[in-house]
N, C-alpha and C. Protein backbone atom coordinates (compact mmCIF):
# COMPACT_ATOMS: atom_id res chain seq x y z
N UNK A 1 96.57 170.01 7.94
CA UNK A 1 95.85 169.15 8.69
C UNK A 1 96.60 167.64 8.90
N UNK A 2 97.16 167.33 7.50
CA UNK A 2 97.70 166.06 7.55
C UNK A 2 99.17 166.00 7.93
N UNK A 3 99.39 167.66 8.67
CA UNK A 3 100.68 167.60 9.09
C UNK A 3 101.14 167.29 10.30
N UNK A 4 100.40 168.21 10.79
CA UNK A 4 99.61 167.82 12.45
C UNK A 4 99.85 166.32 12.73
N UNK A 5 98.98 165.65 11.70
CA UNK A 5 98.68 164.18 12.26
C UNK A 5 100.03 163.32 12.11
N UNK A 6 100.84 163.81 11.15
CA UNK A 6 101.84 163.39 10.82
C UNK A 6 103.18 163.56 12.02
N UNK A 7 103.14 164.55 12.71
CA UNK A 7 103.93 165.20 13.63
C UNK A 7 103.23 164.14 14.92
N UNK A 8 102.18 164.04 14.67
CA UNK A 8 101.19 163.84 16.18
C UNK A 8 102.01 162.09 16.26
N UNK A 9 102.07 161.51 15.01
CA UNK A 9 102.51 160.04 14.97
C UNK A 9 103.64 159.62 15.35
N UNK A 10 104.50 160.55 14.69
CA UNK A 10 106.19 160.76 14.95
C UNK A 10 106.34 161.15 15.99
N UNK A 11 105.63 162.25 17.04
CA UNK A 11 106.00 161.92 18.21
C UNK A 11 106.09 160.77 19.13
N UNK A 12 104.69 160.47 19.16
CA UNK A 12 104.64 159.36 19.55
C UNK A 12 105.41 158.19 19.50
N UNK A 13 105.57 157.73 18.09
CA UNK A 13 106.28 156.56 18.19
C UNK A 13 107.70 156.93 18.69
N UNK A 14 108.22 157.77 18.86
CA UNK A 14 109.67 158.61 19.68
C UNK A 14 109.34 157.79 21.31
N UNK A 15 107.95 157.88 21.82
CA UNK A 15 107.44 157.75 22.99
C UNK A 15 106.88 156.42 23.75
N UNK A 16 107.16 155.41 22.55
CA UNK A 16 106.43 154.20 22.73
C UNK A 16 107.50 153.59 24.11
N UNK A 17 108.17 153.37 24.18
CA UNK A 17 109.57 152.46 25.36
C UNK A 17 108.84 152.84 26.81
N UNK A 18 108.03 154.36 26.71
CA UNK A 18 107.34 154.54 28.00
C UNK A 18 106.85 153.73 28.60
N UNK A 19 106.05 152.61 27.66
CA UNK A 19 104.80 151.79 28.13
C UNK A 19 105.73 150.79 29.06
N UNK A 20 106.66 150.72 29.31
CA UNK A 20 107.29 149.58 29.48
C UNK A 20 107.75 150.29 31.56
N UNK A 21 107.42 151.31 31.79
CA UNK A 21 107.80 151.58 32.98
C UNK A 21 106.38 151.90 33.68
N UNK A 22 107.18 151.80 35.02
CA UNK A 22 105.79 151.85 36.02
C UNK A 22 105.08 152.84 35.77
N UNK A 23 103.76 152.46 36.71
CA UNK A 23 102.83 154.02 36.42
C UNK A 23 103.21 155.07 37.35
N UNK A 24 103.28 155.80 36.72
CA UNK A 24 103.88 157.54 37.06
C UNK A 24 102.76 158.26 37.63
N UNK A 25 101.54 158.19 37.51
CA UNK A 25 100.33 158.80 38.32
C UNK A 25 99.86 159.96 37.28
N UNK A 26 98.68 160.83 37.76
CA UNK A 26 98.26 162.22 36.46
C UNK A 26 99.19 163.15 36.50
N UNK A 27 99.34 163.88 36.24
CA UNK A 27 100.32 164.90 36.05
C UNK A 27 99.89 166.22 35.68
N UNK A 28 100.26 166.92 34.83
CA UNK A 28 100.07 168.01 33.90
C UNK A 28 98.91 168.17 32.96
N UNK A 29 98.76 166.48 32.37
CA UNK A 29 97.55 166.40 31.27
C UNK A 29 96.21 166.58 31.96
N UNK A 30 96.26 166.58 33.16
CA UNK A 30 94.61 166.87 33.77
C UNK A 30 94.56 168.04 33.37
N UNK A 31 95.41 169.13 33.69
CA UNK A 31 94.95 170.45 33.88
C UNK A 31 95.38 170.98 32.25
N UNK A 32 96.53 170.48 31.01
CA UNK A 32 96.70 170.44 30.05
C UNK A 32 95.59 170.51 29.17
N UNK A 33 94.73 169.61 29.18
CA UNK A 33 93.67 168.58 28.13
C UNK A 33 92.69 170.11 28.08
N UNK A 34 92.24 170.94 28.86
CA UNK A 34 91.48 172.24 29.13
C UNK A 34 91.86 173.47 28.48
N UNK A 35 93.36 173.60 28.29
CA UNK A 35 93.97 174.49 27.75
C UNK A 35 93.41 174.76 26.40
N UNK A 36 93.42 174.47 24.99
CA UNK A 36 92.57 174.50 23.97
C UNK A 36 91.34 175.29 24.13
N UNK A 37 90.49 174.74 24.81
CA UNK A 37 88.84 175.50 24.99
C UNK A 37 89.03 176.65 25.67
N UNK A 38 90.03 176.27 27.09
CA UNK A 38 89.82 177.73 27.73
C UNK A 38 90.70 179.24 26.90
N UNK A 39 91.64 178.52 26.30
CA UNK A 39 92.07 179.56 25.05
C UNK A 39 90.98 180.48 24.39
N UNK A 40 89.83 179.53 23.82
CA UNK A 40 88.80 180.25 23.16
C UNK A 40 88.01 181.00 23.91
N UNK A 41 88.08 181.00 24.86
CA UNK A 41 86.94 181.62 25.98
C UNK A 41 87.97 182.84 26.42
N UNK A 42 89.42 182.61 26.82
CA UNK A 42 90.13 183.75 27.04
C UNK A 42 90.30 184.68 25.88
N UNK A 43 90.66 184.13 24.55
CA UNK A 43 90.79 185.14 23.23
C UNK A 43 89.48 185.75 23.18
N UNK A 44 87.98 185.06 23.29
CA UNK A 44 86.90 186.15 22.66
C UNK A 44 86.82 186.64 24.13
N UNK A 45 86.77 186.80 25.54
CA UNK A 45 86.92 187.73 26.26
C UNK A 45 87.63 188.80 26.08
N UNK A 46 88.66 188.65 25.45
CA UNK A 46 89.84 189.62 25.13
C UNK A 46 89.53 190.68 24.39
N UNK A 47 88.59 190.56 23.59
CA UNK A 47 87.64 191.13 22.31
C UNK A 47 88.43 191.06 20.84
N UNK A 48 89.07 189.48 20.92
CA UNK A 48 89.67 188.82 19.74
C UNK A 48 88.59 188.31 18.94
N UNK A 49 88.12 189.21 17.71
CA UNK A 49 86.97 188.29 16.50
C UNK A 49 86.95 186.98 16.62
N UNK A 50 85.67 186.44 16.60
CA UNK A 50 86.36 185.10 16.36
C UNK A 50 85.13 184.75 15.52
N UNK A 51 85.06 183.53 14.89
CA UNK A 51 84.15 183.10 13.66
C UNK A 51 82.67 183.01 14.10
N UNK A 52 82.27 183.50 15.26
CA UNK A 52 81.57 182.64 15.98
C UNK A 52 80.49 184.00 16.90
N UNK A 53 79.55 184.49 17.26
CA UNK A 53 79.16 185.10 18.61
C UNK A 53 79.38 184.87 19.81
N UNK A 54 78.99 185.02 20.91
CA UNK A 54 79.11 183.83 22.00
C UNK A 54 78.39 183.01 22.13
N UNK A 55 76.90 183.70 21.67
CA UNK A 55 76.00 182.44 21.91
C UNK A 55 76.05 181.16 21.26
N UNK A 56 76.67 181.38 19.91
CA UNK A 56 77.05 180.25 19.15
C UNK A 56 77.99 179.76 19.67
N UNK A 57 79.32 180.52 19.88
CA UNK A 57 80.45 179.71 20.77
C UNK A 57 80.01 178.96 21.48
N UNK A 58 79.23 179.59 22.51
CA UNK A 58 78.85 178.93 23.86
C UNK A 58 78.12 177.59 23.48
N UNK A 59 77.22 177.34 22.48
CA UNK A 59 76.60 176.10 22.29
C UNK A 59 77.06 175.83 21.48
N UNK A 60 77.77 175.76 20.43
CA UNK A 60 78.68 174.60 19.69
C UNK A 60 80.09 174.11 20.53
N UNK A 61 80.33 174.75 21.66
CA UNK A 61 81.60 174.14 22.20
C UNK A 61 80.99 173.44 22.90
N UNK A 62 79.72 173.97 24.01
CA UNK A 62 79.09 172.56 24.85
C UNK A 62 78.72 171.61 24.06
N UNK A 63 77.92 171.77 23.02
CA UNK A 63 77.70 170.56 22.43
C UNK A 63 78.65 169.55 21.79
N UNK A 64 79.94 169.83 21.32
CA UNK A 64 81.26 169.37 20.94
C UNK A 64 81.79 168.87 21.73
N UNK A 65 81.76 169.40 23.26
CA UNK A 65 82.68 168.58 24.57
C UNK A 65 81.58 167.61 24.82
N UNK A 66 80.49 167.73 25.02
CA UNK A 66 79.40 166.89 25.58
C UNK A 66 79.57 165.99 24.22
N UNK A 67 79.49 165.81 23.01
CA UNK A 67 79.11 165.02 22.67
C UNK A 67 80.60 163.77 22.28
N UNK A 68 81.62 164.57 22.17
CA UNK A 68 83.41 164.03 21.82
C UNK A 68 82.99 163.11 23.60
N UNK A 69 82.54 163.80 24.74
CA UNK A 69 82.45 162.89 25.66
C UNK A 69 81.64 161.75 25.49
N UNK A 70 80.84 161.81 25.39
CA UNK A 70 79.87 161.00 25.39
C UNK A 70 80.36 159.94 24.66
N UNK A 71 80.81 160.21 24.12
CA UNK A 71 81.36 159.05 22.72
C UNK A 71 82.53 158.36 23.87
N UNK A 72 83.42 158.98 23.72
CA UNK A 72 84.84 158.22 24.16
C UNK A 72 84.11 157.20 25.98
N UNK A 73 83.08 158.05 26.53
CA UNK A 73 82.79 157.27 27.58
C UNK A 73 82.16 156.34 27.46
N UNK A 74 81.20 155.95 26.42
CA UNK A 74 80.53 154.70 25.97
C UNK A 74 81.27 153.67 25.23
N UNK A 75 82.31 154.33 24.61
CA UNK A 75 83.52 153.09 24.31
C UNK A 75 83.85 152.61 25.28
N UNK A 76 84.60 153.54 26.62
CA UNK A 76 85.39 153.18 27.67
C UNK A 76 84.41 152.17 28.39
N UNK A 77 83.26 152.21 28.53
CA UNK A 77 82.35 151.02 29.02
C UNK A 77 82.01 149.88 28.03
N UNK A 78 82.25 150.37 27.10
CA UNK A 78 82.05 148.81 26.11
C UNK A 78 83.20 147.96 25.64
N UNK A 79 84.16 148.66 25.24
CA UNK A 79 85.66 148.02 24.87
C UNK A 79 85.82 147.64 26.42
N UNK A 80 86.33 148.46 27.18
CA UNK A 80 87.11 147.52 28.62
C UNK A 80 88.17 146.90 28.23
N UNK A 81 88.71 148.12 27.95
CA UNK A 81 90.44 147.70 27.01
C UNK A 81 91.64 147.80 28.73
N UNK A 82 92.51 147.06 29.15
CA UNK A 82 93.33 147.83 30.14
C UNK A 82 94.11 148.68 29.96
N UNK A 83 94.38 149.46 31.22
CA UNK A 83 95.75 150.20 30.82
C UNK A 83 97.03 149.50 31.01
N UNK A 84 97.73 150.06 29.94
CA UNK A 84 99.26 149.65 30.44
C UNK A 84 99.58 149.31 31.82
N UNK A 85 99.22 150.26 32.43
CA UNK A 85 100.11 150.41 33.99
C UNK A 85 99.15 149.52 34.91
N UNK A 86 97.97 148.85 34.06
CA UNK A 86 97.41 147.75 35.02
C UNK A 86 96.02 148.20 36.11
N UNK A 87 95.99 149.68 35.96
CA UNK A 87 95.29 150.45 37.01
C UNK A 87 93.96 150.09 37.19
N UNK A 88 93.29 150.25 35.91
CA UNK A 88 91.86 149.82 35.41
C UNK A 88 91.64 149.20 34.15
N UNK A 89 90.47 149.02 33.69
CA UNK A 89 89.96 149.07 32.10
C UNK A 89 89.43 149.73 31.55
N UNK A 90 89.54 151.00 31.69
CA UNK A 90 88.98 152.14 31.15
C UNK A 90 90.15 152.71 30.20
N UNK A 91 90.98 152.38 29.14
CA UNK A 91 92.06 153.05 28.85
C UNK A 91 91.15 152.98 27.59
N UNK A 92 90.70 152.56 26.59
CA UNK A 92 90.20 153.22 25.02
C UNK A 92 88.78 153.70 24.82
N UNK A 93 88.95 154.78 24.40
CA UNK A 93 90.06 155.55 23.84
C UNK A 93 90.21 156.59 25.34
N UNK A 94 91.35 157.51 25.18
CA UNK A 94 91.73 158.49 25.86
C UNK A 94 90.68 159.31 26.16
N UNK A 95 90.25 159.62 27.24
CA UNK A 95 89.24 160.86 27.73
C UNK A 95 90.06 162.01 27.55
N UNK A 96 91.34 161.96 27.90
CA UNK A 96 92.14 163.16 28.21
C UNK A 96 92.63 163.63 26.52
N UNK A 97 92.96 162.90 25.96
CA UNK A 97 93.17 163.24 24.26
C UNK A 97 91.86 163.75 23.45
N UNK A 98 90.42 162.94 24.23
CA UNK A 98 89.40 162.99 23.40
C UNK A 98 89.58 164.81 23.60
N UNK A 99 89.23 164.96 24.78
CA UNK A 99 88.95 166.87 25.13
C UNK A 99 89.70 167.26 24.41
N UNK A 100 90.85 167.43 25.21
CA UNK A 100 92.23 167.79 24.32
C UNK A 100 91.74 168.39 22.84
N UNK A 101 91.38 167.32 21.98
CA UNK A 101 91.40 167.91 20.47
C UNK A 101 90.58 167.85 20.23
N UNK A 102 89.32 168.10 21.17
CA UNK A 102 88.44 168.72 20.60
C UNK A 102 88.51 169.99 21.03
N UNK A 103 88.63 170.59 22.12
CA UNK A 103 88.79 171.74 22.17
C UNK A 103 89.78 172.69 20.95
N UNK A 104 90.87 172.06 20.67
CA UNK A 104 92.16 172.32 19.87
C UNK A 104 91.47 172.63 18.55
N UNK A 105 90.06 171.31 18.04
CA UNK A 105 89.47 171.72 16.70
C UNK A 105 88.41 173.03 16.75
N UNK A 106 88.13 173.34 18.50
CA UNK A 106 87.49 174.18 18.54
C UNK A 106 88.27 175.74 18.38
N UNK A 107 89.05 175.93 19.03
CA UNK A 107 89.95 176.89 18.58
C UNK A 107 90.49 176.97 17.20
N UNK A 108 90.56 176.17 16.26
CA UNK A 108 91.02 176.47 14.97
C UNK A 108 89.63 176.47 14.39
N UNK A 109 88.75 175.89 14.96
CA UNK A 109 87.18 176.65 13.64
C UNK A 109 87.20 178.28 14.09
N UNK A 110 87.82 178.70 15.47
CA UNK A 110 87.18 179.98 15.88
C UNK A 110 88.15 181.10 15.60
N UNK A 111 89.68 180.40 15.44
CA UNK A 111 90.29 180.78 15.47
C UNK A 111 91.36 181.16 14.46
N UNK A 112 91.64 179.73 13.62
CA UNK A 112 92.28 179.34 12.82
C UNK A 112 92.46 180.51 11.44
N UNK A 113 91.27 181.26 11.52
CA UNK A 113 91.69 181.93 10.08
C UNK A 113 92.84 183.36 10.22
N UNK A 114 92.52 183.91 11.60
CA UNK A 114 93.38 184.69 12.06
C UNK A 114 94.76 184.53 11.77
N UNK A 115 95.43 183.51 12.37
CA UNK A 115 96.55 182.71 12.11
C UNK A 115 97.08 181.47 12.21
N UNK A 116 97.77 181.02 11.33
CA UNK A 116 98.05 179.37 11.58
C UNK A 116 98.44 179.19 12.76
N UNK A 117 99.31 179.48 13.48
CA UNK A 117 100.08 179.58 14.60
C UNK A 117 98.85 179.12 15.90
N UNK A 118 97.81 179.99 15.65
CA UNK A 118 96.40 179.60 16.74
C UNK A 118 96.31 178.12 16.55
N UNK A 119 96.01 177.70 15.08
CA UNK A 119 96.00 176.41 15.72
C UNK A 119 97.19 175.50 15.70
N UNK A 120 97.99 175.95 15.23
CA UNK A 120 99.50 174.92 15.47
C UNK A 120 99.43 174.88 17.19
N UNK A 121 99.28 176.13 17.97
CA UNK A 121 99.43 175.92 19.36
C UNK A 121 98.11 175.48 20.01
N UNK A 122 97.13 175.09 19.47
CA UNK A 122 95.61 174.23 20.12
C UNK A 122 96.51 172.86 20.00
N UNK A 123 97.16 172.76 18.80
CA UNK A 123 97.07 171.03 18.15
C UNK A 123 97.96 170.61 19.04
N UNK A 124 99.41 171.65 18.93
CA UNK A 124 100.53 171.41 19.71
C UNK A 124 100.00 170.99 20.83
N UNK A 125 99.31 171.67 22.26
CA UNK A 125 98.74 171.82 23.70
C UNK A 125 98.02 169.79 23.08
N UNK A 126 97.58 169.95 22.48
CA UNK A 126 96.61 168.66 22.76
C UNK A 126 97.83 167.64 22.45
N UNK A 127 98.24 167.41 21.33
CA UNK A 127 99.29 166.39 21.23
C UNK A 127 100.26 166.21 22.54
N UNK A 128 100.72 167.28 22.64
CA UNK A 128 101.23 166.87 24.02
C UNK A 128 100.88 166.57 25.16
N UNK A 129 99.31 166.71 25.49
CA UNK A 129 99.12 166.04 26.39
C UNK A 129 98.65 164.74 26.24
N UNK A 130 98.51 163.95 24.43
CA UNK A 130 98.28 162.86 24.16
C UNK A 130 99.57 161.64 24.84
N UNK A 131 100.11 162.92 24.17
CA UNK A 131 102.13 162.06 24.49
C UNK A 131 102.26 161.59 26.17
N UNK A 132 101.56 162.34 26.94
CA UNK A 132 102.30 162.76 28.22
C UNK A 132 101.19 161.49 28.66
N UNK A 133 100.42 161.50 27.86
CA UNK A 133 99.35 160.30 28.58
C UNK A 133 100.27 158.96 28.58
N UNK A 134 100.71 158.41 27.06
CA UNK A 134 101.67 157.72 26.66
C UNK A 134 102.41 157.01 27.52
N UNK A 135 103.35 158.44 27.79
CA UNK A 135 104.92 158.76 28.43
C UNK A 135 104.45 158.52 30.11
N UNK A 136 103.57 158.70 30.46
CA UNK A 136 103.04 158.25 31.92
C UNK A 136 102.13 156.69 31.95
N UNK A 137 102.35 155.94 31.07
CA UNK A 137 101.87 154.48 30.94
C UNK A 137 100.51 154.37 31.44
N UNK A 138 99.39 155.67 31.01
CA UNK A 138 98.41 155.31 31.10
C UNK A 138 97.36 154.79 29.84
N UNK A 139 98.25 155.12 29.05
CA UNK A 139 97.59 154.56 27.57
C UNK A 139 98.31 154.02 26.61
N UNK A 140 97.88 153.11 25.45
CA UNK A 140 98.37 152.67 24.43
C UNK A 140 98.67 154.15 23.68
N UNK A 141 99.64 153.76 22.37
CA UNK A 141 99.23 155.06 21.27
C UNK A 141 98.10 155.38 20.57
N UNK A 142 97.55 153.76 20.65
CA UNK A 142 96.04 153.76 19.69
C UNK A 142 94.53 154.31 20.31
N UNK A 143 95.11 154.50 21.63
CA UNK A 143 94.36 155.00 22.59
C UNK A 143 93.93 156.16 22.21
N UNK A 144 95.49 157.11 22.73
CA UNK A 144 95.06 158.31 22.20
C UNK A 144 94.87 158.94 20.87
N UNK A 145 94.91 157.88 19.68
CA UNK A 145 94.76 158.43 17.95
C UNK A 145 93.23 158.24 18.36
N UNK A 146 92.76 157.71 19.00
CA UNK A 146 91.19 157.31 18.87
C UNK A 146 90.52 158.07 19.65
N UNK A 147 91.86 158.67 20.83
CA UNK A 147 91.25 159.88 21.24
C UNK A 147 90.64 161.01 20.55
N UNK A 148 91.97 161.27 19.87
CA UNK A 148 91.86 162.34 18.89
C UNK A 148 91.53 162.63 17.74
N UNK A 149 90.64 161.28 17.41
CA UNK A 149 90.00 161.64 16.28
C UNK A 149 88.71 161.85 16.63
N UNK A 150 88.00 160.99 17.79
CA UNK A 150 86.46 161.55 18.36
C UNK A 150 86.59 162.66 18.64
N UNK A 151 87.74 163.41 19.45
CA UNK A 151 87.54 164.86 19.51
C UNK A 151 87.17 165.57 18.71
N UNK A 152 87.98 165.29 17.50
CA UNK A 152 87.97 166.31 16.30
C UNK A 152 86.49 166.00 15.37
N UNK A 153 86.05 165.03 15.41
CA UNK A 153 84.82 164.17 14.83
C UNK A 153 83.98 164.75 15.35
N UNK A 154 83.53 164.56 16.64
CA UNK A 154 82.77 165.14 17.53
C UNK A 154 82.32 167.06 17.62
N UNK A 155 83.84 166.89 17.29
CA UNK A 155 83.57 169.15 17.33
C UNK A 155 82.95 168.89 15.83
N UNK A 156 83.05 168.72 14.82
CA UNK A 156 82.32 169.06 13.69
C UNK A 156 80.97 168.55 14.04
N UNK A 157 80.44 167.49 14.41
CA UNK A 157 79.34 167.21 14.65
C UNK A 157 78.81 168.18 15.69
N UNK A 158 79.19 168.58 16.48
CA UNK A 158 78.63 169.36 17.28
C UNK A 158 78.45 170.78 17.11
N UNK A 159 79.43 170.88 15.92
CA UNK A 159 78.96 172.79 15.43
C UNK A 159 78.12 172.32 14.62
N UNK A 160 77.93 171.52 14.08
CA UNK A 160 76.46 171.52 12.89
C UNK A 160 75.33 171.35 13.71
N UNK A 161 75.36 170.26 15.46
CA UNK A 161 73.72 170.28 16.28
C UNK A 161 73.60 171.65 16.44
N UNK A 162 74.79 172.31 16.60
CA UNK A 162 74.54 173.77 17.82
C UNK A 162 74.39 174.84 16.86
N UNK A 163 74.72 174.50 15.08
CA UNK A 163 74.65 175.28 14.25
C UNK A 163 72.60 175.48 13.75
N UNK A 164 72.27 174.29 14.06
CA UNK A 164 71.18 173.49 13.64
C UNK A 164 70.30 174.31 15.18
N UNK A 165 71.06 173.97 16.55
CA UNK A 165 70.00 175.07 17.79
C UNK A 165 70.01 176.42 17.51
N UNK A 166 71.18 177.08 16.89
CA UNK A 166 70.89 178.42 17.19
C UNK A 166 70.56 179.10 15.92
N UNK A 167 70.62 178.90 15.14
CA UNK A 167 70.13 178.91 13.71
C UNK A 167 71.17 180.32 13.28
N UNK A 168 72.32 179.96 13.88
CA UNK A 168 73.34 181.51 13.20
C UNK A 168 74.16 179.71 12.56
N UNK A 169 75.23 180.67 11.76
CA UNK A 169 76.07 180.12 10.83
C UNK A 169 77.45 180.92 10.85
N UNK A 170 78.65 180.71 10.59
CA UNK A 170 79.90 181.27 10.84
C UNK A 170 79.63 182.49 10.11
N UNK A 171 80.43 183.74 9.82
CA UNK A 171 80.41 184.74 9.40
C UNK A 171 81.30 184.34 8.19
N UNK A 172 82.03 183.68 7.99
CA UNK A 172 83.07 183.71 7.30
C UNK A 172 83.14 182.13 6.69
N UNK A 173 82.87 181.96 4.44
CA UNK A 173 82.56 181.10 4.02
C UNK A 173 83.39 181.42 3.13
N UNK A 174 84.34 179.96 2.86
CA UNK A 174 84.90 179.83 1.50
C UNK A 174 84.31 179.13 0.43
N UNK A 175 84.39 179.19 0.02
CA UNK A 175 84.16 178.79 -1.93
C UNK A 175 85.19 178.55 -2.73
N UNK A 176 85.17 177.60 -3.47
CA UNK A 176 85.86 177.24 -4.32
C UNK A 176 85.81 176.64 -5.17
N UNK A 177 85.84 177.15 -6.51
CA UNK A 177 85.18 177.06 -8.22
C UNK A 177 86.47 176.70 -9.25
N UNK A 178 86.13 176.32 -9.92
CA UNK A 178 87.05 175.69 -10.75
C UNK A 178 88.04 176.79 -11.53
N UNK A 179 87.22 178.24 -11.34
CA UNK A 179 88.33 179.36 -11.68
C UNK A 179 88.80 180.41 -10.52
N UNK A 180 88.12 180.29 -9.03
CA UNK A 180 88.29 180.85 -8.54
C UNK A 180 88.22 180.66 -6.89
N UNK A 181 89.00 181.70 -6.23
CA UNK A 181 88.42 181.17 -4.48
C UNK A 181 87.79 182.56 -3.93
N UNK A 182 86.72 182.21 -3.09
CA UNK A 182 86.45 183.40 -2.35
C UNK A 182 86.14 183.09 -1.47
N UNK A 183 86.28 184.14 -0.30
CA UNK A 183 85.71 184.41 0.77
C UNK A 183 84.95 185.46 1.08
N UNK A 184 83.88 184.94 1.69
CA UNK A 184 82.81 185.80 1.61
C UNK A 184 82.54 186.24 3.59
N UNK A 185 82.28 187.41 3.63
CA UNK A 185 82.98 187.75 5.34
C UNK A 185 81.22 188.08 4.96
N UNK A 186 80.03 188.05 6.23
CA UNK A 186 78.71 188.79 6.39
C UNK A 186 78.73 189.03 7.63
N UNK A 187 78.43 190.86 7.96
CA UNK A 187 78.55 191.22 8.83
C UNK A 187 77.08 191.89 9.27
């Protein structure tokens, strides 16, 4: 995870000069933010085994997206930071980054055990969304970093809330002891 965040910050630093440009409008980032969470649904519908049942996945994903979005929206109203392009006072935090990183973290939690490349792809799309928001002069780098953190933390909280609602847990658990690492799969 630390490698993903390091790459995220490095890529953002390359594009900080984009904030001097005029407003470019919204673009691919509007659809791109939904790609990670849509990928979860598509993979599950295609029969790829996830860490959750449909019920658990639905409740956890909805609670994660709703919680992340609510925190992001509440902060936008409370902070009232002006966008770099000057269009409005809803810059902090980035809602696009919040949704993208919440979806990427859901993808990681459901399918990251199958291949680390699934997680890399999800976080890569989320990072591309965040970079595009900075390049389009809609956000500062700290806006998208805050959105990313809210999305990831909101997903962790959403999964805890969803597990309480459904009464289900992941079929996979990992335990680390002083002498061994164990993986338990429930059937």
